[in-house]
């Protein structure tokens, strides 16, 4: 999203230290496809809570998700290549600012 809307490449790392709060945020589902999460939910008949946000489903994030699905239909593998690029970005050492 940052590349398309802000003109620079940025994303959160799978593990992020938030120094202002002195906590480490871990995103354990980063490498799990959404369809696998839905399948797990269906397999175990887990309840779904409705998002109370009035913008739910009408966000830039939802738009980009749909855009990537469209690109994937036209260019099979584009989703994996985008994810690989993000993974490579966070795998390289960073200079401290």
N, C-alpha and C. Protein backbone atom coordinates (compact mmCIF):
# COMPACT_ATOMS: atom_id res chain seq x y z
N UNK A 1 0.82 -1.19 0.00
CA UNK A 1 0.00 0.00 0.00
C UNK A 1 0.87 1.26 0.00
N UNK A 2 1.95 1.25 0.78
CA UNK A 2 2.79 2.44 0.83
C UNK A 2 3.40 2.76 -0.54
N UNK A 3 3.76 1.74 -1.29
CA UNK A 3 4.34 1.97 -2.61
C UNK A 3 3.34 2.65 -3.53
N UNK A 4 2.10 2.21 -3.51
CA UNK A 4 1.08 2.75 -4.39
C UNK A 4 0.59 4.13 -3.94
N UNK A 5 0.39 4.31 -2.63
CA UNK A 5 -0.21 5.56 -2.15
C UNK A 5 0.78 6.60 -1.66
N UNK A 6 2.00 6.18 -1.29
CA UNK A 6 2.96 7.13 -0.73
C UNK A 6 4.22 7.26 -1.56
N UNK A 7 4.43 6.35 -2.52
CA UNK A 7 5.59 6.44 -3.37
C UNK A 7 6.88 5.94 -2.75
N UNK A 8 6.78 5.19 -1.67
CA UNK A 8 7.97 4.56 -1.10
C UNK A 8 7.61 3.17 -0.61
N UNK A 9 8.65 2.36 -0.45
CA UNK A 9 8.44 0.96 -0.07
C UNK A 9 8.62 0.82 1.43
N UNK A 10 7.59 0.39 2.11
CA UNK A 10 7.67 0.18 3.55
C UNK A 10 6.63 -0.85 3.96
N UNK A 11 7.00 -1.67 4.92
CA UNK A 11 6.04 -2.58 5.53
C UNK A 11 6.58 -2.95 6.91
N UNK A 12 5.70 -3.42 7.75
CA UNK A 12 6.11 -3.85 9.08
C UNK A 12 6.87 -5.16 8.99
N UNK A 13 7.87 -5.29 9.83
CA UNK A 13 8.62 -6.54 9.91
C UNK A 13 7.79 -7.57 10.68
N UNK A 14 8.07 -8.86 10.48
CA UNK A 14 7.34 -9.89 11.23
C UNK A 14 7.50 -9.75 12.75
N UNK A 15 8.65 -9.23 13.17
CA UNK A 15 8.90 -8.95 14.59
C UNK A 15 9.33 -7.49 14.67
N UNK A 16 8.58 -6.69 15.45
CA UNK A 16 8.86 -5.27 15.56
C UNK A 16 8.96 -4.87 17.03
N UNK A 17 10.04 -4.19 17.38
CA UNK A 17 10.19 -3.68 18.73
C UNK A 17 9.64 -2.26 18.77
N UNK A 18 8.71 -2.01 19.68
CA UNK A 18 8.12 -0.68 19.85
C UNK A 18 8.75 -0.05 21.08
N UNK A 19 9.75 0.79 20.86
CA UNK A 19 10.52 1.32 21.98
C UNK A 19 9.72 2.25 22.88
N UNK A 20 8.77 2.98 22.35
CA UNK A 20 7.97 3.87 23.20
C UNK A 20 7.14 3.11 24.22
N UNK A 21 6.79 1.88 23.88
CA UNK A 21 5.98 1.06 24.79
C UNK A 21 6.80 -0.07 25.41
N UNK A 22 8.04 -0.24 24.94
CA UNK A 22 8.93 -1.30 25.41
C UNK A 22 8.29 -2.68 25.27
N UNK A 23 7.72 -2.91 24.07
CA UNK A 23 7.15 -4.23 23.79
C UNK A 23 7.63 -4.70 22.41
N UNK A 24 7.63 -5.98 22.23
CA UNK A 24 7.97 -6.57 20.94
C UNK A 24 6.68 -7.14 20.36
N UNK A 25 6.32 -6.68 19.19
CA UNK A 25 5.11 -7.12 18.50
C UNK A 25 5.49 -8.23 17.53
N UNK A 26 4.84 -9.37 17.66
CA UNK A 26 5.10 -10.50 16.78
C UNK A 26 3.83 -10.79 15.99
N UNK A 27 3.99 -10.91 14.69
CA UNK A 27 2.85 -11.19 13.81
C UNK A 27 2.93 -12.66 13.39
N UNK A 28 2.39 -13.57 14.20
CA UNK A 28 2.57 -15.00 13.91
C UNK A 28 1.81 -15.49 12.68
N UNK A 29 0.82 -14.77 12.22
CA UNK A 29 0.04 -15.23 11.07
C UNK A 29 0.49 -14.59 9.76
N UNK A 30 1.61 -13.90 9.78
CA UNK A 30 2.11 -13.23 8.58
C UNK A 30 2.30 -14.19 7.42
N UNK A 31 2.73 -15.41 7.72
CA UNK A 31 3.03 -16.38 6.67
C UNK A 31 1.88 -17.34 6.39
N UNK A 32 0.70 -17.04 6.90
CA UNK A 32 -0.47 -17.91 6.72
C UNK A 32 -1.41 -17.26 5.72
N UNK A 33 -1.80 -17.98 4.70
CA UNK A 33 -2.75 -17.46 3.71
C UNK A 33 -4.12 -17.26 4.35
N UNK A 34 -4.82 -16.24 3.90
CA UNK A 34 -6.16 -15.95 4.43
C UNK A 34 -7.09 -17.14 4.23
N UNK A 35 -6.97 -17.83 3.09
CA UNK A 35 -7.85 -18.98 2.84
C UNK A 35 -7.59 -20.09 3.87
N UNK A 36 -6.37 -20.23 4.37
CA UNK A 36 -6.08 -21.21 5.41
C UNK A 36 -6.73 -20.82 6.74
N UNK A 37 -6.76 -19.54 7.03
CA UNK A 37 -7.42 -19.06 8.25
C UNK A 37 -8.92 -19.32 8.16
N UNK A 38 -9.51 -19.02 7.01
CA UNK A 38 -10.94 -19.26 6.81
C UNK A 38 -11.24 -20.76 6.91
N UNK A 39 -10.38 -21.57 6.30
CA UNK A 39 -10.56 -23.03 6.37
C UNK A 39 -10.49 -23.53 7.81
N UNK A 40 -9.57 -23.01 8.60
CA UNK A 40 -9.44 -23.38 10.01
C UNK A 40 -10.71 -23.00 10.77
N UNK A 41 -11.18 -21.77 10.50
CA UNK A 41 -12.40 -21.28 11.13
C UNK A 41 -13.58 -22.20 10.80
N UNK A 42 -13.67 -22.60 9.54
CA UNK A 42 -14.77 -23.47 9.12
C UNK A 42 -14.64 -24.88 9.71
N UNK A 43 -13.42 -25.41 9.72
CA UNK A 43 -13.18 -26.75 10.24
C UNK A 43 -13.60 -26.87 11.70
N UNK A 44 -13.30 -25.84 12.48
CA UNK A 44 -13.60 -25.87 13.91
C UNK A 44 -14.86 -25.09 14.27
N UNK A 45 -15.60 -24.66 13.25
CA UNK A 45 -16.87 -23.97 13.44
C UNK A 45 -16.73 -22.80 14.43
N UNK A 46 -15.70 -21.98 14.23
CA UNK A 46 -15.45 -20.85 15.12
C UNK A 46 -16.38 -19.69 14.78
N UNK A 47 -16.82 -18.97 15.79
CA UNK A 47 -17.71 -17.82 15.53
C UNK A 47 -16.92 -16.65 14.94
N UNK A 48 -17.61 -15.83 14.19
CA UNK A 48 -17.04 -14.62 13.61
C UNK A 48 -17.75 -13.42 14.22
N UNK A 49 -16.95 -12.47 14.69
CA UNK A 49 -17.51 -11.23 15.22
C UNK A 49 -17.59 -10.21 14.09
N UNK A 50 -18.70 -9.55 13.96
CA UNK A 50 -18.87 -8.52 12.94
C UNK A 50 -18.04 -7.31 13.33
N UNK A 51 -17.30 -6.79 12.36
CA UNK A 51 -16.50 -5.59 12.58
C UNK A 51 -17.45 -4.40 12.67
N UNK A 52 -17.44 -3.67 13.78
CA UNK A 52 -18.38 -2.55 13.94
C UNK A 52 -18.00 -1.31 13.14
N UNK A 53 -16.84 -1.29 12.54
CA UNK A 53 -16.39 -0.11 11.80
C UNK A 53 -17.27 0.10 10.57
N UNK A 54 -17.80 1.31 10.37
CA UNK A 54 -18.66 1.56 9.21
C UNK A 54 -17.90 1.46 7.88
N UNK A 55 -16.57 1.57 7.91
CA UNK A 55 -15.77 1.47 6.69
C UNK A 55 -15.37 0.03 6.38
N UNK A 56 -15.80 -0.93 7.19
CA UNK A 56 -15.42 -2.32 7.00
C UNK A 56 -15.74 -2.79 5.59
N UNK A 57 -14.71 -3.25 4.88
CA UNK A 57 -14.90 -3.73 3.51
C UNK A 57 -14.81 -2.64 2.46
N UNK A 58 -14.69 -1.38 2.88
CA UNK A 58 -14.63 -0.26 1.94
C UNK A 58 -13.38 0.57 2.20
N UNK A 59 -12.26 -0.10 2.39
CA UNK A 59 -11.01 0.57 2.73
C UNK A 59 -10.00 0.46 1.60
N UNK A 60 -8.93 1.24 1.70
CA UNK A 60 -7.84 1.14 0.73
C UNK A 60 -7.21 -0.25 0.81
N UNK A 61 -7.12 -0.81 2.01
CA UNK A 61 -6.56 -2.15 2.17
C UNK A 61 -7.40 -3.17 1.40
N UNK A 62 -8.71 -3.06 1.47
CA UNK A 62 -9.60 -3.98 0.73
C UNK A 62 -9.43 -3.78 -0.78
N UNK A 63 -9.27 -2.53 -1.19
CA UNK A 63 -9.06 -2.24 -2.60
C UNK A 63 -7.77 -2.90 -3.10
N UNK A 64 -6.69 -2.77 -2.34
CA UNK A 64 -5.40 -3.35 -2.74
C UNK A 64 -5.50 -4.87 -2.76
N UNK A 65 -6.22 -5.44 -1.81
CA UNK A 65 -6.42 -6.89 -1.77
C UNK A 65 -7.11 -7.36 -3.07
N UNK A 66 -8.13 -6.65 -3.48
CA UNK A 66 -8.84 -6.97 -4.72
C UNK A 66 -7.94 -6.75 -5.94
N UNK A 67 -7.16 -5.69 -5.92
CA UNK A 67 -6.23 -5.40 -7.01
C UNK A 67 -5.21 -6.53 -7.17
N UNK A 68 -4.66 -7.02 -6.07
CA UNK A 68 -3.69 -8.11 -6.13
C UNK A 68 -4.36 -9.38 -6.66
N UNK A 69 -5.59 -9.64 -6.27
CA UNK A 69 -6.31 -10.81 -6.81
C UNK A 69 -6.48 -10.69 -8.33
N UNK A 70 -6.79 -9.49 -8.80
CA UNK A 70 -6.95 -9.26 -10.24
C UNK A 70 -5.62 -9.45 -10.96
N UNK A 71 -4.56 -8.89 -10.40
CA UNK A 71 -3.23 -9.05 -10.99
C UNK A 71 -2.82 -10.52 -11.02
N UNK A 72 -3.17 -11.25 -9.97
CA UNK A 72 -2.82 -12.68 -9.89
C UNK A 72 -3.52 -13.47 -11.00
N UNK A 73 -4.76 -13.11 -11.32
CA UNK A 73 -5.48 -13.79 -12.40
C UNK A 73 -4.80 -13.54 -13.74
N UNK A 74 -4.34 -12.31 -13.96
CA UNK A 74 -3.71 -11.94 -15.22
C UNK A 74 -2.25 -12.38 -15.29
N UNK A 75 -1.59 -12.45 -14.14
CA UNK A 75 -0.16 -12.78 -14.05
C UNK A 75 0.05 -13.78 -12.91
N UNK A 76 -0.23 -15.05 -13.14
CA UNK A 76 -0.09 -16.03 -12.07
C UNK A 76 1.29 -15.96 -11.39
N UNK A 77 1.26 -15.95 -10.06
CA UNK A 77 2.50 -15.90 -9.28
C UNK A 77 2.85 -14.51 -8.78
N UNK A 78 2.11 -13.49 -9.22
CA UNK A 78 2.45 -12.12 -8.82
C UNK A 78 2.32 -11.94 -7.30
N UNK A 79 1.35 -12.56 -6.69
CA UNK A 79 1.16 -12.45 -5.23
C UNK A 79 2.38 -13.00 -4.50
N UNK A 80 2.84 -14.16 -4.93
CA UNK A 80 4.02 -14.77 -4.30
C UNK A 80 5.27 -13.92 -4.53
N UNK A 81 5.39 -13.34 -5.71
CA UNK A 81 6.55 -12.49 -5.99
C UNK A 81 6.53 -11.23 -5.14
N UNK A 82 5.37 -10.64 -4.95
CA UNK A 82 5.26 -9.47 -4.08
C UNK A 82 5.64 -9.83 -2.64
N UNK A 83 5.12 -10.96 -2.17
CA UNK A 83 5.42 -11.39 -0.82
C UNK A 83 6.92 -11.68 -0.67
N UNK A 84 7.50 -12.31 -1.69
CA UNK A 84 8.93 -12.61 -1.66
C UNK A 84 9.74 -11.32 -1.57
N UNK A 85 9.35 -10.30 -2.31
CA UNK A 85 10.05 -9.03 -2.27
C UNK A 85 10.01 -8.42 -0.87
N UNK A 86 8.86 -8.50 -0.22
CA UNK A 86 8.74 -7.99 1.15
C UNK A 86 9.62 -8.81 2.09
N UNK A 87 9.58 -10.12 1.93
CA UNK A 87 10.39 -11.00 2.78
C UNK A 87 11.88 -10.70 2.60
N UNK A 88 12.31 -10.52 1.37
CA UNK A 88 13.71 -10.19 1.10
C UNK A 88 14.09 -8.85 1.72
N UNK A 89 13.18 -7.89 1.66
CA UNK A 89 13.43 -6.57 2.23
C UNK A 89 13.73 -6.68 3.72
N UNK A 90 12.96 -7.48 4.44
CA UNK A 90 13.16 -7.60 5.88
C UNK A 90 14.26 -8.58 6.24
N UNK A 91 14.72 -9.38 5.32
CA UNK A 91 15.79 -10.34 5.60
C UNK A 91 17.17 -9.68 5.55
N UNK A 92 17.27 -8.52 4.93
CA UNK A 92 18.56 -7.83 4.80
C UNK A 92 18.79 -6.92 6.01
N UNK A 93 20.04 -6.82 6.46
CA UNK A 93 20.35 -5.93 7.60
C UNK A 93 20.03 -4.48 7.27
N UNK A 94 19.56 -3.75 8.23
CA UNK A 94 19.19 -2.34 8.07
C UNK A 94 20.18 -1.46 8.83
N UNK A 95 20.44 -0.28 8.30
CA UNK A 95 21.23 0.69 9.03
C UNK A 95 20.33 1.42 10.01
N UNK A 96 20.85 1.70 11.18
CA UNK A 96 20.08 2.45 12.18
C UNK A 96 20.01 3.91 11.75
N UNK A 97 18.87 4.52 11.91
CA UNK A 97 18.71 5.95 11.57
C UNK A 97 19.02 6.80 12.76
